[in-house]
């Protein structure tokens, strides 16, 4: 266990200033989507210690990369706010369990206007750090909810939705929770679609789905109907959610946590939502994107799952705050690109119709610039231990 002061000192070395040169060049890019996930610690790290980075350099650089292209958006793939209870009790324990949340100053710009939404003081700081990308970079910021965003239930998510709308009105920017609509399990499937130039983002609330297992088949049908409709217009599609279909991070290779991928219930969820029959869908023009696991990955095509690749981008905050906490492995040819550093993924659609994705690793630093038809195992930003031949044998269901 690391003492908070030692963790802070060690982490200070991983806070380089945002380097615009790390962004993919915009030349020939028709549409760009920056995929940023699990960035909800804000400027206060586990254990209550202030971030030595000030404003998170991952968030600042994400806005810079998006702003370089006229047709652009930043999509936050869930866990935009970890909240006081979760960070203090769960993650803060890693760094010694010290908490200083009671002494937090008032949150930064926009707080007066959004205070009436009822979102707590710490959560305001965390949400505003990401929403400020829209104000500072002039780009849309759309947030797909994750399990931590749902931690305060429907009422908490309604307050967060009110906060994003109030922020949009105050600063005249496009900040939203996607998908919109009702939150109960009896509601219509929570899926929505927005265009970013020639890319359509189909946003799927998988945190809602995991709370409402009876809704999985209907949600899967709705998702792939949206994908087929977008493709009929000539669009490429990113299916954006919080929970991944495939991952080789901590959640993807363990059974320690409630929302790990290695359970029969989760496998059924993946089959229902990401793998149903959809004959009208061209998988070569679909990219699955999710967060949840705190690393960056482009996983190779997976049998039984739609999409040309699966992007995991859940490295918004935690790898910088605690670089030794990640427990995943390198699957070799099962992943085109892999990084355990803090950062995000930039997906570009060129004017020539070619997809590409870059892992922008802010902490290490280093980048993987990968065409989506690249050779398997093509890019790693740092050595990562190999996965064992058989990750985990089938076992009892995690509940």
Protein backbone atom coordinates (compact mmCIF):
# COMPACT_ATOMS: atom_id res chain seq x y z
CA UNK A 1 0.00 0.00 0.00
CA UNK A 2 1.34 3.45 -0.95
CA UNK A 3 1.27 6.29 1.51
CA UNK A 4 -0.61 9.29 0.04
CA UNK A 5 2.49 11.52 0.10
CA UNK A 6 4.57 8.93 -1.74
CA UNK A 7 1.81 8.36 -4.25
CA UNK A 8 1.56 12.10 -4.84
CA UNK A 9 5.30 12.43 -5.36
CA UNK A 10 5.39 9.48 -7.73
CA UNK A 11 2.43 10.76 -9.69
CA UNK A 12 3.87 14.26 -10.06
CA UNK A 13 6.39 12.91 -12.55
CA UNK A 14 3.55 11.77 -14.82
CA UNK A 15 2.03 15.22 -15.40
CA UNK A 16 3.62 16.61 -18.56
CA UNK A 17 2.03 19.70 -20.08
CA UNK A 18 -0.41 18.86 -22.87
CA UNK A 19 1.54 18.51 -26.11
CA UNK A 20 -0.54 19.32 -29.22
CA UNK A 21 2.01 17.38 -31.28
CA UNK A 22 0.56 14.20 -29.75
CA UNK A 23 -2.70 14.81 -31.63
CA UNK A 24 -3.09 13.10 -34.99
CA UNK A 25 -2.55 15.61 -37.82
CA UNK A 26 -5.84 16.96 -39.16
CA UNK A 27 -4.80 16.93 -42.82
CA UNK A 28 -7.27 14.98 -44.93
CA UNK A 29 -9.56 14.22 -41.95
CA UNK A 30 -13.27 14.58 -42.72
CA UNK A 31 -14.65 13.70 -39.25
CA UNK A 32 -13.03 13.19 -35.84
CA UNK A 33 -14.38 11.72 -32.60
CA UNK A 34 -12.26 11.82 -29.44
CA UNK A 35 -13.15 8.93 -27.12
CA UNK A 36 -12.42 9.78 -23.48
CA UNK A 37 -13.50 7.54 -20.62
CA UNK A 38 -13.41 7.21 -16.83
CA UNK A 39 -12.15 10.72 -16.25
CA UNK A 40 -14.31 11.50 -13.24
CA UNK A 41 -11.73 12.17 -10.51
CA UNK A 42 -11.49 15.84 -11.43
CA UNK A 43 -8.56 17.71 -9.91
CA UNK A 44 -8.66 15.83 -6.58
CA UNK A 45 -7.11 12.40 -6.62
CA UNK A 46 -7.75 9.30 -4.48
CA UNK A 47 -7.19 9.88 -0.79
CA UNK A 48 -8.26 13.53 -1.10
CA UNK A 49 -4.86 14.77 -2.32
CA UNK A 50 -4.94 17.59 -4.90
CA UNK A 51 -3.73 16.66 -8.35
CA UNK A 52 -0.21 17.96 -8.97
CA UNK A 53 -1.32 18.49 -12.57
CA UNK A 54 -3.86 21.18 -11.74
CA UNK A 55 -6.44 20.75 -14.46
CA UNK A 56 -6.10 17.25 -15.85
CA UNK A 57 -3.79 17.36 -18.91
CA UNK A 58 -5.71 14.45 -20.44
CA UNK A 59 -8.89 16.54 -20.60
CA UNK A 60 -7.10 19.61 -21.94
CA UNK A 61 -5.37 17.64 -24.69
CA UNK A 62 -8.60 15.85 -25.64
CA UNK A 63 -10.19 19.20 -26.42
CA UNK A 64 -7.14 20.35 -28.38
CA UNK A 65 -7.17 17.22 -30.55
CA UNK A 66 -10.88 17.52 -31.26
CA UNK A 67 -10.75 21.23 -32.11
CA UNK A 68 -8.29 20.66 -34.98
CA UNK A 69 -11.06 19.28 -37.25
CA UNK A 70 -14.27 21.14 -38.25
CA UNK A 71 -16.54 18.08 -37.88
CA UNK A 72 -15.69 16.87 -34.36
CA UNK A 73 -16.94 15.83 -30.94
CA UNK A 74 -15.61 14.57 -27.62
CA UNK A 75 -17.55 11.54 -26.39
CA UNK A 76 -17.07 10.71 -22.70
CA UNK A 77 -17.53 6.95 -22.34
CA UNK A 78 -18.93 6.96 -18.82
CA UNK A 79 -17.82 7.54 -15.23
CA UNK A 80 -17.67 11.30 -15.67
CA UNK A 81 -18.02 11.55 -11.89
CA UNK A 82 -16.75 9.06 -9.34
CA UNK A 83 -18.32 10.99 -6.46
CA UNK A 84 -17.24 11.36 -2.85
CA UNK A 85 -18.47 8.02 -1.57
CA UNK A 86 -16.89 5.90 -4.31
CA UNK A 87 -13.57 7.69 -4.50
CA UNK A 88 -13.12 8.07 -0.77
CA UNK A 89 -14.03 4.51 0.19
CA UNK A 90 -13.00 2.39 -2.78
CA UNK A 91 -10.08 4.02 -4.56
CA UNK A 92 -8.79 6.17 -1.73
CA UNK A 93 -8.12 3.04 0.32
CA UNK A 94 -5.38 2.12 -2.18
CA UNK A 95 -3.50 5.27 -1.25
CA UNK A 96 -3.91 5.01 2.51
CA UNK A 97 -7.56 5.83 3.05
CA UNK A 98 -7.01 9.51 3.89
CA UNK A 99 -9.85 11.82 2.93
CA UNK A 100 -9.89 15.59 2.70
CA UNK A 101 -13.11 16.13 0.77
CA UNK A 102 -14.70 18.22 3.49
CA UNK A 103 -12.16 20.98 2.84
CA UNK A 104 -12.70 21.27 -0.92
CA UNK A 105 -13.07 24.83 -2.21
CA UNK A 106 -16.03 25.80 -4.31
CA UNK A 107 -16.00 24.36 -7.81
CA UNK A 108 -14.61 26.33 -10.78
CA UNK A 109 -16.35 28.45 -13.45
CA UNK A 110 -20.05 27.88 -14.01
CA UNK A 111 -20.76 26.75 -10.44
CA UNK A 112 -23.12 29.57 -9.54
CA UNK A 113 -25.35 28.80 -12.50
CA UNK A 114 -25.48 25.03 -11.98
CA UNK A 115 -25.71 24.95 -8.18
CA UNK A 116 -29.50 24.89 -8.36
CA UNK A 117 -29.41 21.48 -10.07
CA UNK A 118 -28.71 19.86 -6.69
CA UNK A 119 -25.49 18.10 -7.76
CA UNK A 120 -23.09 17.78 -4.81
CA UNK A 121 -20.02 19.98 -4.51
CA UNK A 122 -17.44 17.32 -5.36
CA UNK A 123 -19.54 15.92 -8.20
CA UNK A 124 -19.87 19.45 -9.61
CA UNK A 125 -16.09 19.76 -9.75
CA UNK A 126 -15.81 16.42 -11.54
CA UNK A 127 -18.55 17.09 -14.10
CA UNK A 128 -17.37 20.63 -14.78
CA UNK A 129 -13.81 19.51 -15.50
CA UNK A 130 -15.14 17.57 -18.49
CA UNK A 131 -17.81 20.07 -19.52
CA UNK A 132 -15.17 22.80 -19.60
CA UNK A 133 -13.69 21.04 -22.65
CA UNK A 134 -16.69 22.36 -24.59
CA UNK A 135 -16.18 25.91 -23.34
CA UNK A 136 -12.40 26.00 -23.75
CA UNK A 137 -12.04 24.10 -27.05
CA UNK A 138 -15.37 24.99 -28.66
CA UNK A 139 -16.33 21.35 -29.35
CA UNK A 140 -19.42 19.29 -28.48
CA UNK A 141 -19.05 17.14 -25.35
CA UNK A 142 -21.48 14.23 -25.08
CA UNK A 143 -21.42 12.02 -21.99
CA UNK A 144 -22.61 8.40 -22.06
CA UNK A 145 -23.38 7.35 -18.45
CA UNK A 146 -21.33 4.71 -16.65
CA UNK A 147 -21.92 2.68 -13.51
CA UNK A 148 -20.42 5.38 -11.25
CA UNK A 149 -22.59 8.06 -12.86
CA UNK A 150 -25.55 5.84 -11.95
CA UNK A 151 -24.33 5.39 -8.35
CA UNK A 152 -26.95 7.81 -6.99
CA UNK A 153 -29.74 6.19 -9.01
CA UNK A 154 -32.25 7.81 -11.31
CA UNK A 155 -32.46 10.97 -9.20
CA UNK A 156 -28.70 11.47 -9.34
CA UNK A 157 -28.58 11.01 -13.09
CA UNK A 158 -31.46 13.45 -13.56
CA UNK A 159 -29.50 16.03 -11.56
CA UNK A 160 -26.43 15.41 -13.73
CA UNK A 161 -28.56 15.84 -16.85
CA UNK A 162 -29.87 19.14 -15.49
CA UNK A 163 -26.29 20.24 -14.80
CA UNK A 164 -25.13 19.54 -18.37
CA UNK A 165 -28.13 21.39 -19.79
CA UNK A 166 -27.60 24.37 -17.48
CA UNK A 167 -23.93 24.47 -18.46
CA UNK A 168 -24.88 24.42 -22.16
CA UNK A 169 -27.27 27.33 -21.69
CA UNK A 170 -24.79 29.43 -19.71
CA UNK A 171 -21.84 28.95 -22.06
CA UNK A 172 -23.73 28.48 -25.35
CA UNK A 173 -22.10 25.10 -26.03
CA UNK A 174 -23.28 21.59 -26.87
CA UNK A 175 -23.00 19.55 -23.66
CA UNK A 176 -25.43 16.67 -23.15
CA UNK A 177 -25.99 13.30 -21.58
CA UNK A 178 -26.61 10.69 -24.27
CA UNK A 179 -28.89 8.88 -24.61
CA UNK A 180 -31.74 11.10 -23.50
CA UNK A 181 -35.12 9.92 -22.25
CA UNK A 182 -36.68 8.03 -19.38
CA UNK A 183 -34.55 6.04 -16.92
CA UNK A 184 -36.83 3.32 -15.56
CA UNK A 185 -36.56 -0.31 -16.65
CA UNK A 186 -40.02 0.04 -18.20
CA UNK A 187 -38.82 2.84 -20.48
CA UNK A 188 -37.92 2.46 -24.14
CA UNK A 189 -34.41 1.11 -24.75
CA UNK A 190 -31.86 3.77 -23.85
CA UNK A 191 -30.11 4.36 -27.16
CA UNK A 192 -29.63 7.55 -29.17
CA UNK A 193 -27.74 8.70 -32.26
CA UNK A 194 -25.93 11.89 -33.27
CA UNK A 195 -23.92 12.71 -36.39
CA UNK A 196 -20.37 14.04 -36.39
CA UNK A 197 -19.97 14.78 -40.07
CA UNK A 198 -19.74 11.40 -41.82
CA UNK A 199 -19.59 9.47 -38.52
CA UNK A 200 -22.72 8.62 -36.54
CA UNK A 201 -22.29 8.04 -32.80
CA UNK A 202 -24.87 5.56 -31.49
CA UNK A 203 -24.88 6.09 -27.71
CA UNK A 204 -25.95 3.12 -25.56
CA UNK A 205 -26.59 3.30 -21.80
CA UNK A 206 -25.15 -0.07 -20.75
CA UNK A 207 -25.19 0.93 -17.07
CA UNK A 208 -28.99 1.17 -17.38
CA UNK A 209 -29.04 -2.14 -19.24
CA UNK A 210 -27.14 -3.98 -16.51
CA UNK A 211 -29.73 -2.73 -14.03
CA UNK A 212 -32.53 -3.92 -16.33
CA UNK A 213 -31.56 -7.38 -17.65
CA UNK A 214 -35.01 -8.07 -19.11
CA UNK A 215 -34.42 -5.14 -21.47
CA UNK A 216 -31.27 -6.57 -23.09
CA UNK A 217 -32.85 -8.14 -26.20
CA UNK A 218 -34.92 -5.03 -26.96
CA UNK A 219 -31.88 -2.81 -26.44
CA UNK A 220 -29.78 -4.92 -28.81
CA UNK A 221 -32.49 -4.75 -31.46
CA UNK A 222 -32.74 -0.95 -31.07
CA UNK A 223 -28.96 -0.45 -31.23
CA UNK A 224 -28.46 -2.35 -34.46
CA UNK A 225 -31.56 -0.80 -36.05
CA UNK A 226 -29.95 2.61 -35.44
CA UNK A 227 -26.67 1.35 -36.90
CA UNK A 228 -28.39 -0.02 -40.02
CA UNK A 229 -30.31 3.25 -40.51
CA UNK A 230 -27.10 5.29 -40.28
CA UNK A 231 -25.28 3.01 -42.69
CA UNK A 232 -28.16 3.32 -45.15
CA UNK A 233 -27.30 7.04 -45.27
CA UNK A 234 -23.66 6.23 -46.07
CA UNK A 235 -22.39 6.88 -42.53
CA UNK A 236 -19.66 5.11 -40.58
CA UNK A 237 -20.80 4.28 -37.05
CA UNK A 238 -19.26 4.31 -33.58
CA UNK A 239 -21.37 2.41 -31.03
CA UNK A 240 -20.41 4.21 -27.82
CA UNK A 241 -21.11 2.77 -24.37
CA UNK A 242 -19.48 2.47 -20.97
CA UNK A 243 -19.20 -1.31 -20.73
CA UNK A 244 -17.07 -3.09 -23.35
CA UNK A 245 -17.83 -6.28 -25.21
CA UNK A 246 -14.12 -7.17 -25.19
CA UNK A 247 -11.28 -5.94 -22.94
CA UNK A 248 -7.94 -7.15 -21.65
CA UNK A 249 -7.80 -4.78 -18.69
CA UNK A 250 -8.55 -5.43 -15.02
CA UNK A 251 -12.31 -5.83 -15.54
CA UNK A 252 -11.79 -7.94 -18.63
CA UNK A 253 -9.44 -10.50 -17.07
CA UNK A 254 -10.57 -10.85 -13.45
CA UNK A 255 -13.51 -11.81 -11.26
CA UNK A 256 -12.74 -9.45 -8.39
CA UNK A 257 -15.34 -6.80 -9.04
CA UNK A 258 -19.09 -6.84 -9.50
CA UNK A 259 -18.96 -5.52 -13.07
CA UNK A 260 -16.11 -7.69 -14.36
CA UNK A 261 -16.55 -9.17 -17.82
CA UNK A 262 -15.72 -12.73 -16.79
CA UNK A 263 -19.18 -13.84 -15.73
CA UNK A 264 -21.96 -15.73 -17.46
CA UNK A 265 -24.40 -12.88 -16.81
CA UNK A 266 -22.08 -10.40 -18.51
CA UNK A 267 -21.51 -12.78 -21.42
CA UNK A 268 -25.27 -12.99 -21.94
CA UNK A 269 -25.46 -9.20 -21.83
CA UNK A 270 -22.74 -8.93 -24.51
CA UNK A 271 -24.48 -11.50 -26.72
CA UNK A 272 -27.85 -9.73 -26.41
CA UNK A 273 -26.60 -6.16 -26.91
CA UNK A 274 -23.45 -6.39 -29.05
CA UNK A 275 -23.94 -9.67 -30.90
CA UNK A 276 -27.54 -10.16 -32.04
CA UNK A 277 -28.27 -11.06 -35.62
CA UNK A 278 -28.25 -7.91 -37.77
CA UNK A 279 -28.02 -8.89 -41.45
CA UNK A 280 -28.43 -5.28 -42.62
CA UNK A 281 -25.27 -4.18 -40.77
CA UNK A 282 -21.83 -4.02 -42.42
CA UNK A 283 -19.43 -4.75 -39.55
CA UNK A 284 -16.51 -3.23 -41.48
CA UNK A 285 -18.17 0.17 -41.09
CA UNK A 286 -18.87 -0.17 -37.34
CA UNK A 287 -16.51 0.48 -34.44
CA UNK A 288 -17.44 -0.46 -30.86
CA UNK A 289 -16.13 1.94 -28.21
CA UNK A 290 -16.34 1.73 -24.42
CA UNK A 291 -14.57 2.70 -21.21
CA UNK A 292 -14.87 0.94 -17.82
CA UNK A 293 -11.39 -0.63 -17.97
CA UNK A 294 -8.70 1.92 -17.17
CA UNK A 295 -6.41 1.49 -20.16
CA UNK A 296 -6.35 2.09 -23.92
CA UNK A 297 -6.87 -0.75 -26.36
CA UNK A 298 -7.88 -1.55 -29.91
CA UNK A 299 -9.01 -5.17 -29.76
CA UNK A 300 -9.07 -7.25 -32.92
CA UNK A 301 -12.40 -8.43 -34.40
CA UNK A 302 -14.07 -10.88 -32.04
CA UNK A 303 -16.35 -13.77 -33.07
CA UNK A 304 -19.94 -13.21 -31.97
CA UNK A 305 -19.53 -9.44 -31.58
CA UNK A 306 -20.31 -6.83 -34.22
CA UNK A 307 -17.76 -4.24 -35.32
CA UNK A 308 -14.44 -4.12 -37.11
CA UNK A 309 -12.65 -3.56 -33.77
CA UNK A 310 -13.44 -2.86 -30.10
CA UNK A 311 -11.88 0.33 -28.72
CA UNK A 312 -11.44 0.56 -24.95
CA UNK A 313 -10.74 4.09 -23.74
CA UNK A 314 -11.12 4.24 -19.96
CA UNK A 315 -7.79 5.85 -19.07
CA UNK A 316 -8.94 9.40 -18.45
CA UNK A 317 -7.79 9.81 -14.83
CA UNK A 318 -6.86 6.73 -12.83
CA UNK A 319 -3.65 5.66 -14.66
CA UNK A 320 -2.13 9.05 -13.90
CA UNK A 321 -3.32 9.15 -10.30
CA UNK A 322 -2.25 5.59 -9.54
CA UNK A 323 -0.16 4.07 -12.37
CA UNK A 324 0.39 0.71 -10.65
CA UNK A 325 -3.27 -0.17 -10.07
CA UNK A 326 -4.00 -1.67 -13.51
CA UNK A 327 -4.21 -5.45 -13.54
CA UNK A 328 -4.65 -6.39 -17.19
CA UNK A 329 -2.40 -8.21 -19.63
CA UNK A 330 -1.20 -8.24 -23.24
CA UNK A 331 -3.28 -10.66 -25.35
CA UNK A 332 -0.84 -10.61 -28.25
CA UNK A 333 -2.60 -10.91 -31.59
CA UNK A 334 -6.01 -10.37 -29.98
CA UNK A 335 -5.20 -6.63 -29.75
CA UNK A 336 -3.93 -4.34 -32.48
CA UNK A 337 -2.79 -1.69 -30.00
CA UNK A 338 -2.48 -1.47 -26.21
CA UNK A 339 -1.41 1.10 -23.62
CA UNK A 340 -1.70 1.26 -19.84
CA UNK A 341 -0.97 5.00 -19.65
CA UNK A 342 -3.43 7.85 -19.12
CA UNK A 343 -5.00 9.23 -22.27
CA UNK A 344 -7.72 8.74 -24.84
CA UNK A 345 -8.41 7.46 -28.35
CA UNK A 346 -8.86 9.61 -31.45
CA UNK A 347 -10.91 8.07 -34.27
CA UNK A 348 -10.59 9.75 -37.65
CA UNK A 349 -12.44 9.18 -40.89
CA UNK A 350 -10.37 10.46 -43.77
CA UNK A 351 -11.70 12.15 -46.87
CA UNK A 352 -10.56 9.00 -48.68
CA UNK A 353 -12.95 6.89 -46.53
CA UNK A 354 -10.20 5.25 -44.45
CA UNK A 355 -10.64 4.71 -40.71
CA UNK A 356 -7.77 5.23 -38.31
CA UNK A 357 -7.46 5.33 -34.53
CA UNK A 358 -4.66 6.73 -32.41
CA UNK A 359 -4.02 5.86 -28.77
CA UNK A 360 -2.83 9.15 -27.26
CA UNK A 361 -0.91 8.21 -24.11
CA UNK A 362 -0.35 11.41 -22.13
CA UNK A 363 1.37 9.88 -19.11
CA UNK A 364 4.09 7.70 -20.61
CA UNK A 365 4.21 9.47 -23.20
CA UNK A 366 3.82 7.68 -26.53
CA UNK A 367 1.29 7.04 -29.25
CA UNK A 368 -0.05 4.18 -31.33
CA UNK A 369 -1.34 5.31 -34.72
CA UNK A 370 -3.23 2.35 -36.13
CA UNK A 371 -5.31 1.81 -39.22
CA UNK A 372 -8.21 -0.42 -38.28
CA UNK A 373 -7.05 -3.08 -40.72
CA UNK A 374 -3.49 -3.06 -39.28
CA UNK A 375 -1.60 -6.21 -38.40
CA UNK A 376 -2.57 -7.73 -35.09
CA UNK A 377 -0.24 -6.93 -32.22
CA UNK A 378 1.07 -3.96 -34.21
CA UNK A 379 1.54 -1.33 -31.51
CA UNK A 380 2.38 -1.12 -27.80
CA UNK A 381 3.39 2.07 -25.97
CA UNK A 382 5.23 0.12 -23.25
CA UNK A 383 5.92 -3.53 -22.34
CA UNK A 384 2.94 -5.25 -20.70
CA UNK A 385 2.97 -8.79 -19.25
CA UNK A 386 1.43 -11.36 -21.56
CA UNK A 387 -1.94 -12.93 -20.78
CA UNK A 388 -1.72 -16.57 -19.68
CA UNK A 389 -2.79 -19.14 -22.30
CA UNK A 390 -6.14 -19.49 -20.57
CA UNK A 391 -7.20 -16.33 -18.73
CA UNK A 392 -9.72 -17.73 -16.26
CA UNK A 393 -11.61 -21.02 -16.36
CA UNK A 394 -15.39 -20.91 -16.28
CA UNK A 395 -16.64 -20.49 -12.74
CA UNK A 396 -19.64 -19.41 -10.77
CA UNK A 397 -21.45 -16.31 -11.81
CA UNK A 398 -20.39 -13.01 -10.25
CA UNK A 399 -23.36 -11.30 -8.65
